[in-house]
Amino acid sequence: MRASIGCNSRKGRAIRLETERLILDLHGLEHFEPLCQMWGDAAVVRHIGQPSTVQDAWMRLLRYRGLWPLLGYGYWALTEKASGRFVGDLGFADFHRAVEPSIRGIPEAGWVLAGWAHGQGFASEALTAALAWLDGQRAYESSVCLIAPENGPSLRLARRFGFRDERAVSFLGHDTLLLRRERPA
């Protein structure tokens, strides 16, 4: 994995990461249309919520860009190196979610991939790079993720990377699993 500086930020730097098949980089205007398509696909978001409108996708793009300068971490746009095709979103955030126990101040991992990219190992490849980067920051003892109990593929991925079931929580009126991963020593 190679890392290079993407942009300066107040708390840190947005880092461009590269894996064998992927580029993880800041979201830009070039990602807006594929972001709209992905988040508007009911099959892709079935475990996350309702398909997004164009305005919702635009606000998500703005939110992704705003995470880095405010928190020093954020979401990356995933692009397949070979084709230049948008693969999805993956990264960390603090969305101040209303869950108990509180996860404020703890990087929350999340990922969503375009339908065409499911089942090809892209999420695993990108999460390997993202967690290695987060662990290297040494600023966070743990990270968390929220996953719908019926989302088997995401639960398997999270568990493979050391996220463990902590407890069932209510999130937006739905039963959700809160998983936590401790930074390796």
Protein backbone atom coordinates (compact mmCIF):
# COMPACT_ATOMS: atom_id res chain seq x y z
CA MET A 1 0.00 0.00 0.00
CA ARG A 2 1.31 3.43 -0.93
CA ALA A 3 0.03 6.61 0.67
CA SER A 4 0.40 10.15 -0.54
CA ILE A 5 -0.94 13.47 0.68
CA GLY A 6 -4.32 14.48 -0.73
CA CYS A 7 -4.94 17.87 0.90
CA ASN A 8 -4.05 19.79 4.01
CA SER A 9 -6.55 19.99 6.82
CA ARG A 10 -6.69 21.60 10.21
CA LYS A 11 -6.46 18.39 12.24
CA GLY A 12 -4.62 16.22 9.78
CA ARG A 13 -4.26 15.39 6.16
CA ALA A 14 -6.58 13.60 3.84
CA ILE A 15 -4.53 10.73 2.58
CA ARG A 16 -4.70 9.12 -0.83
CA LEU A 17 -4.24 5.37 -0.46
CA GLU A 18 -3.54 2.85 -3.16
CA THR A 19 -4.00 -0.89 -3.05
CA GLU A 20 -3.36 -3.46 -5.73
CA ARG A 21 -6.65 -2.71 -7.51
CA LEU A 22 -7.99 0.47 -5.93
CA ILE A 23 -7.35 4.16 -5.39
CA LEU A 24 -8.87 5.60 -2.21
CA ASP A 25 -9.06 9.37 -2.57
CA LEU A 26 -11.07 12.42 -1.61
CA HIS A 27 -14.51 12.69 -3.15
CA GLY A 28 -14.67 15.23 -5.94
CA LEU A 29 -17.22 16.51 -8.41
CA GLU A 30 -16.33 13.64 -10.73
CA HIS A 31 -17.82 11.26 -8.17
CA PHE A 32 -21.21 12.97 -7.97
CA GLU A 33 -23.04 11.12 -10.76
CA PRO A 34 -21.83 7.65 -9.76
CA LEU A 35 -22.57 8.53 -6.13
CA CYS A 36 -26.16 9.43 -7.14
CA GLN A 37 -26.53 6.14 -8.99
CA MET A 38 -25.13 4.04 -6.17
CA TRP A 39 -27.06 5.70 -3.33
CA GLY A 40 -30.22 5.76 -5.48
CA ASP A 41 -30.11 1.99 -6.01
CA ALA A 42 -32.66 0.34 -3.69
CA ALA A 43 -30.78 -2.98 -3.78
CA VAL A 44 -27.53 -1.31 -2.67
CA VAL A 45 -29.07 0.61 0.25
CA ARG A 46 -31.62 -1.99 1.41
CA HIS A 47 -29.82 -2.47 4.77
CA ILE A 48 -29.01 1.23 5.19
CA GLY A 49 -32.25 3.01 4.44
CA GLN A 50 -34.20 4.46 1.56
CA PRO A 51 -32.66 5.29 -1.83
CA SER A 52 -31.21 8.79 -1.85
CA THR A 53 -32.49 11.67 -3.90
CA VAL A 54 -30.10 13.71 -6.01
CA GLN A 55 -30.10 16.36 -3.27
CA ASP A 56 -29.33 13.71 -0.61
CA ALA A 57 -26.39 12.48 -2.70
CA TRP A 58 -25.11 16.04 -3.10
CA MET A 59 -25.29 16.62 0.66
CA ARG A 60 -23.46 13.33 1.23
CA LEU A 61 -20.67 14.44 -1.13
CA LEU A 62 -20.34 17.73 0.76
CA ARG A 63 -20.38 15.90 4.10
CA TYR A 64 -17.64 13.54 2.95
CA ARG A 65 -15.40 16.47 1.98
CA GLY A 66 -16.10 18.23 5.27
CA LEU A 67 -15.09 15.33 7.49
CA TRP A 68 -11.38 15.54 6.68
CA PRO A 69 -10.65 19.14 7.70
CA LEU A 70 -12.87 18.93 10.77
CA LEU A 71 -11.89 15.51 12.13
CA GLY A 72 -8.62 14.59 10.44
CA TYR A 73 -10.26 11.46 9.03
CA GLY A 74 -13.16 10.79 6.71
CA TYR A 75 -14.49 8.85 3.76
CA TRP A 76 -12.67 7.94 0.59
CA ALA A 77 -14.08 7.51 -2.90
CA LEU A 78 -12.98 4.10 -4.17
CA THR A 79 -11.96 3.87 -7.80
CA GLU A 80 -10.88 0.77 -9.66
CA LYS A 81 -7.40 1.37 -11.07
CA ALA A 82 -7.80 -0.77 -14.17
CA SER A 83 -11.03 0.81 -15.41
CA GLY A 84 -11.27 4.13 -13.57
CA ARG A 85 -14.76 3.07 -12.53
CA PHE A 86 -16.29 4.31 -9.24
CA VAL A 87 -16.48 1.39 -6.81
CA GLY A 88 -18.02 3.02 -3.73
CA ASP A 89 -17.44 4.84 -0.46
CA LEU A 90 -15.49 3.67 2.57
CA GLY A 91 -14.03 5.41 5.56
CA PHE A 92 -14.62 6.82 9.01
CA ALA A 93 -16.86 9.50 10.44
CA ASP A 94 -18.34 10.88 13.61
CA PHE A 95 -21.94 11.56 12.65
CA HIS A 96 -23.03 12.22 16.27
CA ARG A 97 -25.50 9.38 16.02
CA ALA A 98 -28.19 9.15 18.69
CA VAL A 99 -27.33 5.69 20.02
CA GLU A 100 -26.65 4.38 23.51
CA PRO A 101 -23.94 3.89 24.43
CA SER A 102 -22.69 7.04 22.78
CA ILE A 103 -20.11 6.63 20.03
CA ARG A 104 -19.30 10.34 19.75
CA GLY A 105 -15.60 10.94 19.26
CA ILE A 106 -14.95 7.38 18.07
CA PRO A 107 -14.24 6.85 14.37
CA GLU A 108 -17.24 4.99 12.91
CA ALA A 109 -16.29 2.78 9.98
CA GLY A 110 -18.69 2.51 7.09
CA TRP A 111 -18.75 1.24 3.54
CA VAL A 112 -21.10 0.97 0.61
CA LEU A 113 -20.22 -0.38 -2.82
CA ALA A 114 -21.92 -0.03 -6.18
CA GLY A 115 -23.94 -3.09 -7.10
CA TRP A 116 -21.56 -4.14 -9.87
CA ALA A 117 -18.68 -4.24 -7.33
CA HIS A 118 -20.28 -6.61 -4.81
CA GLY A 119 -18.58 -9.95 -4.23
CA GLN A 120 -15.24 -9.01 -5.80
CA GLY A 121 -13.22 -8.41 -2.63
CA PHE A 122 -13.06 -4.62 -3.09
CA ALA A 123 -14.50 -3.89 0.37
CA SER A 124 -11.96 -6.16 2.03
CA GLU A 125 -9.09 -4.63 0.05
CA ALA A 126 -10.14 -1.07 0.84
CA LEU A 127 -10.88 -1.80 4.52
CA THR A 128 -7.42 -3.34 4.92
CA ALA A 129 -5.84 -0.08 3.71
CA ALA A 130 -8.20 2.19 5.65
CA LEU A 131 -7.77 0.38 8.98
CA ALA A 132 -3.99 0.25 8.55
CA TRP A 133 -4.06 4.01 8.00
CA LEU A 134 -6.32 4.64 11.04
CA ASP A 135 -4.22 2.35 13.25
CA GLY A 136 -1.11 4.22 12.15
CA GLN A 137 -2.56 7.50 13.41
CA ARG A 138 -2.24 6.18 16.99
CA ALA A 139 -4.86 8.75 18.05
CA TYR A 140 -7.77 6.35 18.48
CA GLU A 141 -7.90 3.31 20.75
CA SER A 142 -10.88 1.86 18.92
CA SER A 143 -13.31 2.25 16.07
CA VAL A 144 -16.92 1.18 15.75
CA CYS A 145 -19.48 0.34 13.10
CA LEU A 146 -23.26 0.06 13.00
CA ILE A 147 -24.67 -2.77 10.89
CA ALA A 148 -28.19 -4.05 10.36
CA PRO A 149 -28.45 -7.60 11.79
CA GLU A 150 -29.74 -8.93 8.46
CA ASN A 151 -26.74 -7.56 6.53
CA GLY A 152 -24.74 -10.78 6.51
CA PRO A 153 -22.01 -9.70 4.05
CA SER A 154 -21.15 -6.55 6.04
CA LEU A 155 -21.24 -8.42 9.35
CA ARG A 156 -18.87 -11.07 8.00
CA LEU A 157 -16.53 -8.37 6.69
CA ALA A 158 -16.57 -6.45 9.98
CA ARG A 159 -15.91 -9.58 12.03
CA ARG A 160 -13.07 -10.63 9.72
CA PHE A 161 -11.39 -7.32 10.52
CA GLY A 162 -11.77 -7.63 14.28
CA PHE A 163 -15.04 -5.79 14.89
CA ARG A 164 -16.90 -7.71 17.58
CA ASP A 165 -20.55 -7.61 18.57
CA GLU A 166 -20.85 -5.29 21.49
CA ARG A 167 -24.58 -4.87 21.74
CA ALA A 168 -27.84 -4.39 19.95
CA VAL A 169 -28.88 -0.74 19.82
CA SER A 170 -31.82 1.16 18.43
CA PHE A 171 -30.83 3.42 15.56
CA LEU A 172 -33.46 5.45 13.72
CA GLY A 173 -36.11 3.12 15.11
CA HIS A 174 -34.41 -0.06 13.86
CA ASP A 175 -32.51 -2.77 15.70
CA THR A 176 -28.87 -2.38 14.77
CA LEU A 177 -25.66 -4.05 15.89
CA LEU A 178 -22.94 -1.84 17.35
CA LEU A 179 -19.57 -3.48 16.83
CA ARG A 180 -16.22 -2.28 18.20
CA ARG A 181 -12.66 -2.93 17.06
CA GLU A 182 -9.70 -2.24 19.32
CA ARG A 183 -6.54 -0.90 17.71
CA PRO A 184 -3.90 -3.65 17.65
CA ALA A 185 -1.12 -3.17 20.19
